[in-house]
Amino acid sequence: MSLEKSQFGRAAGLLCVCGVFAISGLRITQAQEKQSPNFTGGVVTRLEENSKGNIAHLHFGPGARTKWHVHEGGQIILVEEGVGLVQTKGGPLLELHAGETNYVPPGVPHWHGGGTKEGGTQFNISRGGIQWLNEVTDQEFNAPAQRLGNPH
């Protein structure tokens, strides 16, 4: 059985709840349908009942940053105010501003923090364990950053 990406992007008229089983490492609920006024247009499948996410709400001052690290289930980085930097291993250094997000896939080494001259507040969500690696060098931190500039 395979799950197509498009199945996850559609809104739903039914809320699926109850028993849990695994397919290709994903936990999804068995379809026991219950009408819900909050979804329309197709089927929504709850991937994991009471999903265990880790939330960090941090303010990074100018120059402050994490060490390189890896999240088992990936990480969403949302800059709430100010400026944030994020870089995946081998990728460009990205500059994020208030309201912009970046997604780091599972198992990808990365770091994030405040800007070089202005700090920022981040709301970060990750799943699974975390493995801490080496420090981010000043050369890595001070590299020219590309402006992410998510459209709003």
N, C-alpha and C. Protein backbone atom coordinates (compact mmCIF):
# COMPACT_ATOMS: atom_id res chain seq x y z
N MET A 1 0.84 -1.17 0.00
CA MET A 1 0.00 0.00 0.00
C MET A 1 0.89 1.23 0.00
N SER A 2 0.62 2.21 -0.86
CA SER A 2 1.41 3.44 -0.86
C SER A 2 0.49 4.62 -0.63
N LEU A 3 1.04 5.65 -0.04
CA LEU A 3 0.29 6.87 0.22
C LEU A 3 0.84 7.96 -0.67
N GLU A 4 -0.01 8.56 -1.49
CA GLU A 4 0.44 9.62 -2.37
C GLU A 4 0.48 10.93 -1.62
N LYS A 5 1.44 11.79 -1.98
CA LYS A 5 1.60 13.09 -1.34
C LYS A 5 0.31 13.90 -1.42
N SER A 6 -0.41 13.80 -2.53
CA SER A 6 -1.62 14.61 -2.71
C SER A 6 -2.69 14.27 -1.68
N GLN A 7 -2.67 13.05 -1.12
CA GLN A 7 -3.64 12.69 -0.11
C GLN A 7 -3.50 13.53 1.14
N PHE A 8 -2.28 14.01 1.41
CA PHE A 8 -2.05 14.77 2.63
C PHE A 8 -2.40 16.25 2.45
N GLY A 9 -2.49 16.73 1.22
CA GLY A 9 -2.72 18.14 0.99
C GLY A 9 -4.18 18.51 0.88
N ARG A 10 -5.09 17.55 0.83
CA ARG A 10 -6.51 17.85 0.64
C ARG A 10 -7.22 18.09 1.96
N ALA A 11 -8.19 18.98 1.94
CA ALA A 11 -9.05 19.19 3.10
C ALA A 11 -9.98 17.99 3.20
N ALA A 12 -10.70 17.87 4.35
CA ALA A 12 -11.53 16.68 4.51
C ALA A 12 -12.88 16.97 5.10
N GLY A 13 -13.84 16.11 4.76
CA GLY A 13 -15.19 16.18 5.31
C GLY A 13 -15.37 15.20 6.44
N LEU A 14 -14.43 14.31 6.62
CA LEU A 14 -14.54 13.30 7.66
C LEU A 14 -13.32 13.38 8.55
N LEU A 15 -13.53 13.19 9.81
CA LEU A 15 -12.43 13.15 10.76
C LEU A 15 -12.19 11.70 11.11
N CYS A 16 -10.98 11.21 10.87
CA CYS A 16 -10.65 9.82 11.14
C CYS A 16 -9.99 9.72 12.51
N VAL A 17 -10.52 8.84 13.35
CA VAL A 17 -9.98 8.64 14.69
C VAL A 17 -9.94 7.16 15.02
N CYS A 18 -9.33 6.80 16.08
CA CYS A 18 -9.30 5.46 16.70
C CYS A 18 -8.01 4.71 16.48
N GLY A 19 -8.10 3.35 16.26
CA GLY A 19 -6.97 2.44 16.27
C GLY A 19 -5.80 2.88 15.42
N VAL A 20 -4.59 2.51 15.83
CA VAL A 20 -3.37 2.93 15.15
C VAL A 20 -2.66 1.72 14.56
N PHE A 21 -2.15 1.87 13.31
CA PHE A 21 -1.31 0.84 12.71
C PHE A 21 -0.22 1.51 11.91
N ALA A 22 0.83 0.76 11.51
CA ALA A 22 1.99 1.36 10.84
C ALA A 22 2.05 0.96 9.38
N ILE A 23 2.43 1.94 8.52
CA ILE A 23 2.69 1.70 7.10
C ILE A 23 3.97 2.43 6.77
N SER A 24 4.97 1.72 6.31
CA SER A 24 6.26 2.31 5.92
C SER A 24 6.79 3.27 6.98
N GLY A 25 6.68 2.91 8.24
CA GLY A 25 7.23 3.73 9.31
C GLY A 25 6.33 4.86 9.76
N LEU A 26 5.24 5.14 9.07
CA LEU A 26 4.30 6.17 9.49
C LEU A 26 3.22 5.54 10.35
N ARG A 27 2.79 6.25 11.35
CA ARG A 27 1.66 5.78 12.13
C ARG A 27 0.44 6.53 11.63
N ILE A 28 -0.57 5.81 11.18
CA ILE A 28 -1.81 6.46 10.77
C ILE A 28 -2.98 5.77 11.45
N THR A 29 -4.09 6.45 11.56
CA THR A 29 -5.22 5.88 12.25
C THR A 29 -6.08 5.09 11.28
N GLN A 30 -6.68 4.01 11.78
CA GLN A 30 -7.64 3.27 10.98
C GLN A 30 -8.86 4.16 10.81
N ALA A 31 -9.49 4.05 9.68
CA ALA A 31 -10.64 4.91 9.39
C ALA A 31 -11.85 4.45 10.18
N GLN A 32 -12.18 5.17 11.19
CA GLN A 32 -13.46 5.03 11.85
C GLN A 32 -14.04 6.42 11.76
N GLU A 33 -14.95 6.60 10.83
CA GLU A 33 -15.37 7.92 10.41
C GLU A 33 -16.35 8.55 11.36
N LYS A 34 -16.15 9.83 11.58
CA LYS A 34 -17.02 10.63 12.42
C LYS A 34 -17.18 11.96 11.69
N GLN A 35 -18.40 12.40 11.51
CA GLN A 35 -18.63 13.67 10.83
C GLN A 35 -18.01 14.81 11.65
N SER A 36 -17.38 15.73 10.95
CA SER A 36 -16.81 16.90 11.60
C SER A 36 -17.14 18.12 10.76
N PRO A 37 -17.63 19.18 11.37
CA PRO A 37 -17.94 20.40 10.63
C PRO A 37 -16.67 21.20 10.28
N ASN A 38 -15.50 20.75 10.74
CA ASN A 38 -14.28 21.53 10.57
C ASN A 38 -13.48 21.20 9.32
N PHE A 39 -13.85 20.15 8.57
CA PHE A 39 -13.14 19.74 7.37
C PHE A 39 -14.13 19.52 6.24
N THR A 40 -13.74 19.84 5.01
CA THR A 40 -14.58 19.58 3.84
C THR A 40 -13.72 19.15 2.67
N GLY A 41 -14.35 18.55 1.65
CA GLY A 41 -13.70 18.33 0.37
C GLY A 41 -12.96 17.03 0.16
N GLY A 42 -12.82 16.18 1.12
CA GLY A 42 -12.08 14.94 0.93
C GLY A 42 -11.74 14.29 2.25
N VAL A 43 -10.87 13.30 2.21
CA VAL A 43 -10.51 12.53 3.39
C VAL A 43 -9.25 13.09 4.03
N VAL A 44 -9.28 13.27 5.34
CA VAL A 44 -8.11 13.64 6.12
C VAL A 44 -7.80 12.47 7.02
N THR A 45 -6.55 12.05 7.07
CA THR A 45 -6.13 10.94 7.91
C THR A 45 -5.20 11.46 8.99
N ARG A 46 -5.56 11.22 10.23
CA ARG A 46 -4.68 11.62 11.34
C ARG A 46 -3.48 10.68 11.33
N LEU A 47 -2.27 11.23 11.20
CA LEU A 47 -1.07 10.42 11.10
C LEU A 47 -0.68 9.79 12.42
N GLU A 48 -0.90 10.51 13.50
CA GLU A 48 -0.51 9.98 14.80
C GLU A 48 -1.38 10.61 15.86
N GLU A 49 -2.09 9.80 16.60
CA GLU A 49 -2.92 10.29 17.69
C GLU A 49 -2.01 10.83 18.79
N ASN A 50 -2.28 12.01 19.28
CA ASN A 50 -1.48 12.64 20.33
C ASN A 50 0.00 12.67 19.98
N SER A 51 0.31 13.14 18.78
CA SER A 51 1.69 13.22 18.29
C SER A 51 2.58 13.93 19.29
N LYS A 52 3.75 13.39 19.51
CA LYS A 52 4.69 13.95 20.46
C LYS A 52 5.66 14.89 19.75
N GLY A 53 5.42 16.17 19.84
CA GLY A 53 6.31 17.15 19.26
C GLY A 53 7.07 17.88 20.36
N ASN A 54 8.24 18.37 20.04
CA ASN A 54 9.03 19.16 20.97
C ASN A 54 8.96 20.61 20.52
N ILE A 55 8.66 21.49 21.45
CA ILE A 55 8.54 22.90 21.13
C ILE A 55 9.59 23.68 21.90
N ALA A 56 10.27 24.58 21.20
CA ALA A 56 11.23 25.47 21.84
C ALA A 56 10.87 26.90 21.45
N HIS A 57 10.76 27.77 22.42
CA HIS A 57 10.47 29.18 22.18
C HIS A 57 11.66 29.94 22.75
N LEU A 58 12.52 30.45 21.86
CA LEU A 58 13.81 30.99 22.26
C LEU A 58 14.05 32.37 21.66
N HIS A 59 14.72 33.22 22.43
CA HIS A 59 15.22 34.48 21.87
C HIS A 59 16.73 34.35 21.75
N PHE A 60 17.24 34.53 20.53
CA PHE A 60 18.67 34.51 20.27
C PHE A 60 19.14 35.96 20.15
N GLY A 61 20.07 36.37 20.98
CA GLY A 61 20.66 37.69 20.83
C GLY A 61 21.55 37.71 19.60
N PRO A 62 22.01 38.90 19.19
CA PRO A 62 22.92 38.98 18.04
C PRO A 62 24.14 38.09 18.26
N GLY A 63 24.44 37.25 17.30
CA GLY A 63 25.59 36.37 17.38
C GLY A 63 25.35 35.04 18.09
N ALA A 64 24.24 34.91 18.82
CA ALA A 64 23.95 33.66 19.53
C ALA A 64 23.43 32.61 18.55
N ARG A 65 23.82 31.36 18.78
CA ARG A 65 23.40 30.29 17.88
C ARG A 65 23.54 28.94 18.58
N THR A 66 22.88 27.94 17.99
CA THR A 66 23.00 26.58 18.47
C THR A 66 24.30 25.98 17.95
N LYS A 67 24.63 24.80 18.40
CA LYS A 67 25.65 23.99 17.76
C LYS A 67 25.00 23.32 16.56
N TRP A 68 25.80 22.73 15.69
CA TRP A 68 25.26 21.88 14.64
C TRP A 68 24.50 20.76 15.35
N HIS A 69 23.37 20.35 14.80
CA HIS A 69 22.60 19.28 15.41
C HIS A 69 21.69 18.63 14.39
N VAL A 70 21.13 17.49 14.77
CA VAL A 70 20.25 16.71 13.90
C VAL A 70 18.99 16.36 14.70
N HIS A 71 17.83 16.56 14.08
CA HIS A 71 16.56 16.14 14.68
C HIS A 71 16.08 14.88 13.97
N GLU A 72 15.76 13.89 14.74
CA GLU A 72 15.31 12.60 14.22
C GLU A 72 14.09 12.75 13.30
N GLY A 73 13.16 13.62 13.66
CA GLY A 73 11.93 13.79 12.88
C GLY A 73 11.85 15.12 12.14
N GLY A 74 12.95 15.85 12.02
CA GLY A 74 12.94 17.14 11.33
C GLY A 74 12.60 18.29 12.26
N GLN A 75 12.68 19.51 11.73
CA GLN A 75 12.40 20.70 12.53
C GLN A 75 11.82 21.81 11.67
N ILE A 76 10.83 22.50 12.22
CA ILE A 76 10.28 23.71 11.62
C ILE A 76 10.79 24.88 12.46
N ILE A 77 11.38 25.86 11.79
CA ILE A 77 11.92 27.04 12.46
C ILE A 77 11.09 28.24 11.99
N LEU A 78 10.41 28.89 12.94
CA LEU A 78 9.60 30.07 12.65
C LEU A 78 10.19 31.25 13.39
N VAL A 79 10.57 32.29 12.65
CA VAL A 79 11.06 33.51 13.28
C VAL A 79 9.85 34.40 13.58
N GLU A 80 9.62 34.65 14.86
CA GLU A 80 8.47 35.46 15.28
C GLU A 80 8.76 36.95 15.21
N GLU A 81 9.96 37.34 15.58
CA GLU A 81 10.34 38.76 15.52
C GLU A 81 11.84 38.85 15.31
N GLY A 82 12.27 39.93 14.72
CA GLY A 82 13.69 40.15 14.50
C GLY A 82 14.23 39.34 13.34
N VAL A 83 15.48 38.89 13.49
CA VAL A 83 16.19 38.19 12.42
C VAL A 83 16.71 36.86 12.95
N GLY A 84 16.63 35.85 12.11
CA GLY A 84 17.19 34.55 12.43
C GLY A 84 18.04 34.04 11.28
N LEU A 85 19.00 33.21 11.60
CA LEU A 85 19.83 32.56 10.60
C LEU A 85 19.64 31.06 10.73
N VAL A 86 19.70 30.35 9.61
CA VAL A 86 19.64 28.89 9.61
C VAL A 86 20.50 28.38 8.46
N GLN A 87 21.17 27.27 8.70
CA GLN A 87 22.00 26.67 7.65
C GLN A 87 21.98 25.16 7.81
N THR A 88 21.77 24.46 6.70
CA THR A 88 21.92 23.01 6.68
C THR A 88 23.32 22.71 6.19
N LYS A 89 23.87 21.57 6.61
CA LYS A 89 25.24 21.20 6.25
C LYS A 89 25.37 21.17 4.73
N GLY A 90 26.34 21.95 4.20
CA GLY A 90 26.57 22.01 2.76
C GLY A 90 25.67 22.98 2.02
N GLY A 91 24.70 23.58 2.73
CA GLY A 91 23.77 24.50 2.08
C GLY A 91 24.11 25.95 2.37
N PRO A 92 23.39 26.87 1.74
CA PRO A 92 23.65 28.29 1.97
C PRO A 92 23.17 28.74 3.35
N LEU A 93 23.76 29.79 3.85
CA LEU A 93 23.30 30.42 5.08
C LEU A 93 22.08 31.26 4.71
N LEU A 94 20.95 31.03 5.39
CA LEU A 94 19.71 31.73 5.09
C LEU A 94 19.35 32.71 6.20
N GLU A 95 18.88 33.89 5.81
CA GLU A 95 18.42 34.91 6.75
C GLU A 95 16.91 34.95 6.72
N LEU A 96 16.29 34.77 7.87
CA LEU A 96 14.84 34.80 7.99
C LEU A 96 14.43 36.01 8.82
N HIS A 97 13.30 36.61 8.45
CA HIS A 97 12.75 37.73 9.20
C HIS A 97 11.40 37.33 9.78
N ALA A 98 10.85 38.19 10.63
CA ALA A 98 9.59 37.90 11.33
C ALA A 98 8.54 37.36 10.37
N GLY A 99 7.93 36.23 10.75
CA GLY A 99 6.87 35.60 9.96
C GLY A 99 7.38 34.58 8.96
N GLU A 100 8.67 34.43 8.81
CA GLU A 100 9.23 33.48 7.84
C GLU A 100 9.63 32.19 8.53
N THR A 101 9.52 31.10 7.78
CA THR A 101 9.82 29.78 8.31
C THR A 101 10.81 29.05 7.42
N ASN A 102 11.42 28.03 8.00
CA ASN A 102 12.29 27.14 7.26
C ASN A 102 12.08 25.74 7.81
N TYR A 103 12.07 24.75 6.92
CA TYR A 103 11.92 23.36 7.33
C TYR A 103 13.22 22.62 7.08
N VAL A 104 13.69 21.91 8.10
CA VAL A 104 14.88 21.08 7.99
C VAL A 104 14.41 19.63 8.07
N PRO A 105 14.63 18.84 7.02
CA PRO A 105 14.15 17.45 7.01
C PRO A 105 14.81 16.59 8.09
N PRO A 106 14.19 15.45 8.40
CA PRO A 106 14.76 14.52 9.39
C PRO A 106 16.18 14.11 9.03
N GLY A 107 17.04 14.06 10.04
CA GLY A 107 18.39 13.56 9.86
C GLY A 107 19.37 14.50 9.20
N VAL A 108 18.98 15.75 8.94
CA VAL A 108 19.86 16.70 8.25
C VAL A 108 20.56 17.59 9.29
N PRO A 109 21.90 17.59 9.31
CA PRO A 109 22.62 18.46 10.24
C PRO A 109 22.37 19.94 9.90
N HIS A 110 22.14 20.74 10.93
CA HIS A 110 21.86 22.16 10.74
C HIS A 110 22.14 22.92 12.03
N TRP A 111 22.11 24.23 11.92
CA TRP A 111 22.18 25.10 13.08
C TRP A 111 21.28 26.30 12.82
N HIS A 112 20.91 27.02 13.88
CA HIS A 112 20.11 28.24 13.73
C HIS A 112 20.39 29.16 14.91
N GLY A 113 20.10 30.44 14.71
CA GLY A 113 20.34 31.41 15.77
C GLY A 113 19.89 32.80 15.35
N GLY A 114 20.37 33.81 16.07
CA GLY A 114 20.08 35.19 15.75
C GLY A 114 20.97 35.68 14.63
N GLY A 115 20.67 36.88 14.15
CA GLY A 115 21.48 37.48 13.10
C GLY A 115 22.81 37.98 13.65
N THR A 116 23.65 38.46 12.75
CA THR A 116 24.96 38.96 13.18
C THR A 116 24.84 40.29 13.94
N LYS A 117 23.89 41.15 13.54
CA LYS A 117 23.74 42.46 14.17
C LYS A 117 22.43 42.62 14.92
N GLU A 118 21.47 41.75 14.65
CA GLU A 118 20.15 41.82 15.28
C GLU A 118 19.71 40.41 15.65
N GLY A 119 19.22 40.27 16.87
CA GLY A 119 18.72 38.98 17.32
C GLY A 119 17.29 38.76 16.88
N GLY A 120 16.73 37.66 17.33
CA GLY A 120 15.35 37.36 16.99
C GLY A 120 14.78 36.24 17.85
N THR A 121 13.46 36.19 17.89
CA THR A 121 12.75 35.17 18.64
C THR A 121 12.28 34.10 17.68
N GLN A 122 12.52 32.84 18.06
CA GLN A 122 12.13 31.69 17.24
C GLN A 122 11.18 30.79 18.01
N PHE A 123 10.20 30.27 17.28
CA PHE A 123 9.29 29.24 17.78
C PHE A 123 9.60 28.02 16.93
N ASN A 124 10.18 26.99 17.52
CA ASN A 124 10.66 25.84 16.77
C ASN A 124 9.93 24.57 17.20
N ILE A 125 9.59 23.75 16.22
CA ILE A 125 8.90 22.49 16.47
C ILE A 125 9.72 21.37 15.85
N SER A 126 9.97 20.32 16.64
CA SER A 126 10.70 19.16 16.13
C SER A 126 10.05 17.90 16.68
N ARG A 127 10.41 16.77 16.07
CA ARG A 127 9.91 15.48 16.55
C ARG A 127 11.09 14.53 16.72
N GLY A 128 10.97 13.64 17.69
CA GLY A 128 12.01 12.64 17.92
C GLY A 128 13.19 13.22 18.68
N GLY A 129 14.24 12.41 18.74
CA GLY A 129 15.43 12.79 19.48
C GLY A 129 16.28 13.81 18.75
N ILE A 130 17.26 14.33 19.47
CA ILE A 130 18.18 15.31 18.92
C ILE A 130 19.61 14.84 19.20
N GLN A 131 20.47 15.00 18.22
CA GLN A 131 21.89 14.67 18.38
C GLN A 131 22.68 15.95 18.20
N TRP A 132 23.42 16.34 19.24
CA TRP A 132 24.24 17.55 19.18
C TRP A 132 25.60 17.23 18.59
N LEU A 133 26.07 18.12 17.74
CA LEU A 133 27.34 17.94 17.04
C LEU A 133 28.30 19.05 17.46
N ASN A 134 29.23 19.43 16.59
CA ASN A 134 30.25 20.42 16.93
C ASN A 134 29.72 21.86 16.86
N GLU A 135 30.51 22.78 17.40
CA GLU A 135 30.15 24.20 17.39
C GLU A 135 30.19 24.77 15.98
N VAL A 136 29.37 25.78 15.75
CA VAL A 136 29.39 26.54 14.50
C VAL A 136 30.58 27.50 14.60
N THR A 137 31.42 27.50 13.60
CA THR A 137 32.60 28.37 13.65
C THR A 137 32.18 29.82 13.35
N ASP A 138 33.01 30.76 13.73
CA ASP A 138 32.75 32.16 13.41
C ASP A 138 32.73 32.36 11.89
N GLN A 139 33.57 31.62 11.19
CA GLN A 139 33.60 31.72 9.71
C GLN A 139 32.26 31.26 9.13
N GLU A 140 31.70 30.16 9.63
CA GLU A 140 30.39 29.68 9.15
C GLU A 140 29.30 30.71 9.49
N PHE A 141 29.33 31.22 10.74
CA PHE A 141 28.30 32.15 11.18
C PHE A 141 28.34 33.47 10.42
N ASN A 142 29.52 33.95 10.10
CA ASN A 142 29.67 35.26 9.46
C ASN A 142 29.70 35.20 7.93
N ALA A 143 29.42 34.03 7.35
CA ALA A 143 29.37 33.91 5.88
C ALA A 143 28.23 34.80 5.36
N PRO A 144 28.31 35.24 4.10
CA PRO A 144 27.22 36.03 3.54
C PRO A 144 25.91 35.22 3.53
N ALA A 145 24.86 35.82 4.06
CA ALA A 145 23.57 35.13 4.14
C ALA A 145 22.69 35.50 2.96
N GLN A 146 21.92 34.53 2.51
CA GLN A 146 20.91 34.78 1.46
C GLN A 146 19.60 35.10 2.16
N ARG A 147 18.94 36.14 1.69
CA ARG A 147 17.65 36.53 2.25
C ARG A 147 16.62 35.55 1.78
N LEU A 148 15.92 34.89 2.72
CA LEU A 148 14.91 33.90 2.37
C LEU A 148 13.72 34.57 1.70
N GLY A 149 13.14 35.58 2.35
CA GLY A 149 12.06 36.36 1.75
C GLY A 149 10.85 35.55 1.34
N ASN A 150 10.25 34.77 2.29
CA ASN A 150 9.01 34.04 1.99
C ASN A 150 7.92 35.03 1.59
N PRO A 151 7.15 34.73 0.53
CA PRO A 151 6.01 35.61 0.22
C PRO A 151 4.92 35.44 1.28
N HIS A 152 4.23 36.52 1.59
CA HIS A 152 3.16 36.45 2.59
C HIS A 152 1.82 36.43 1.89
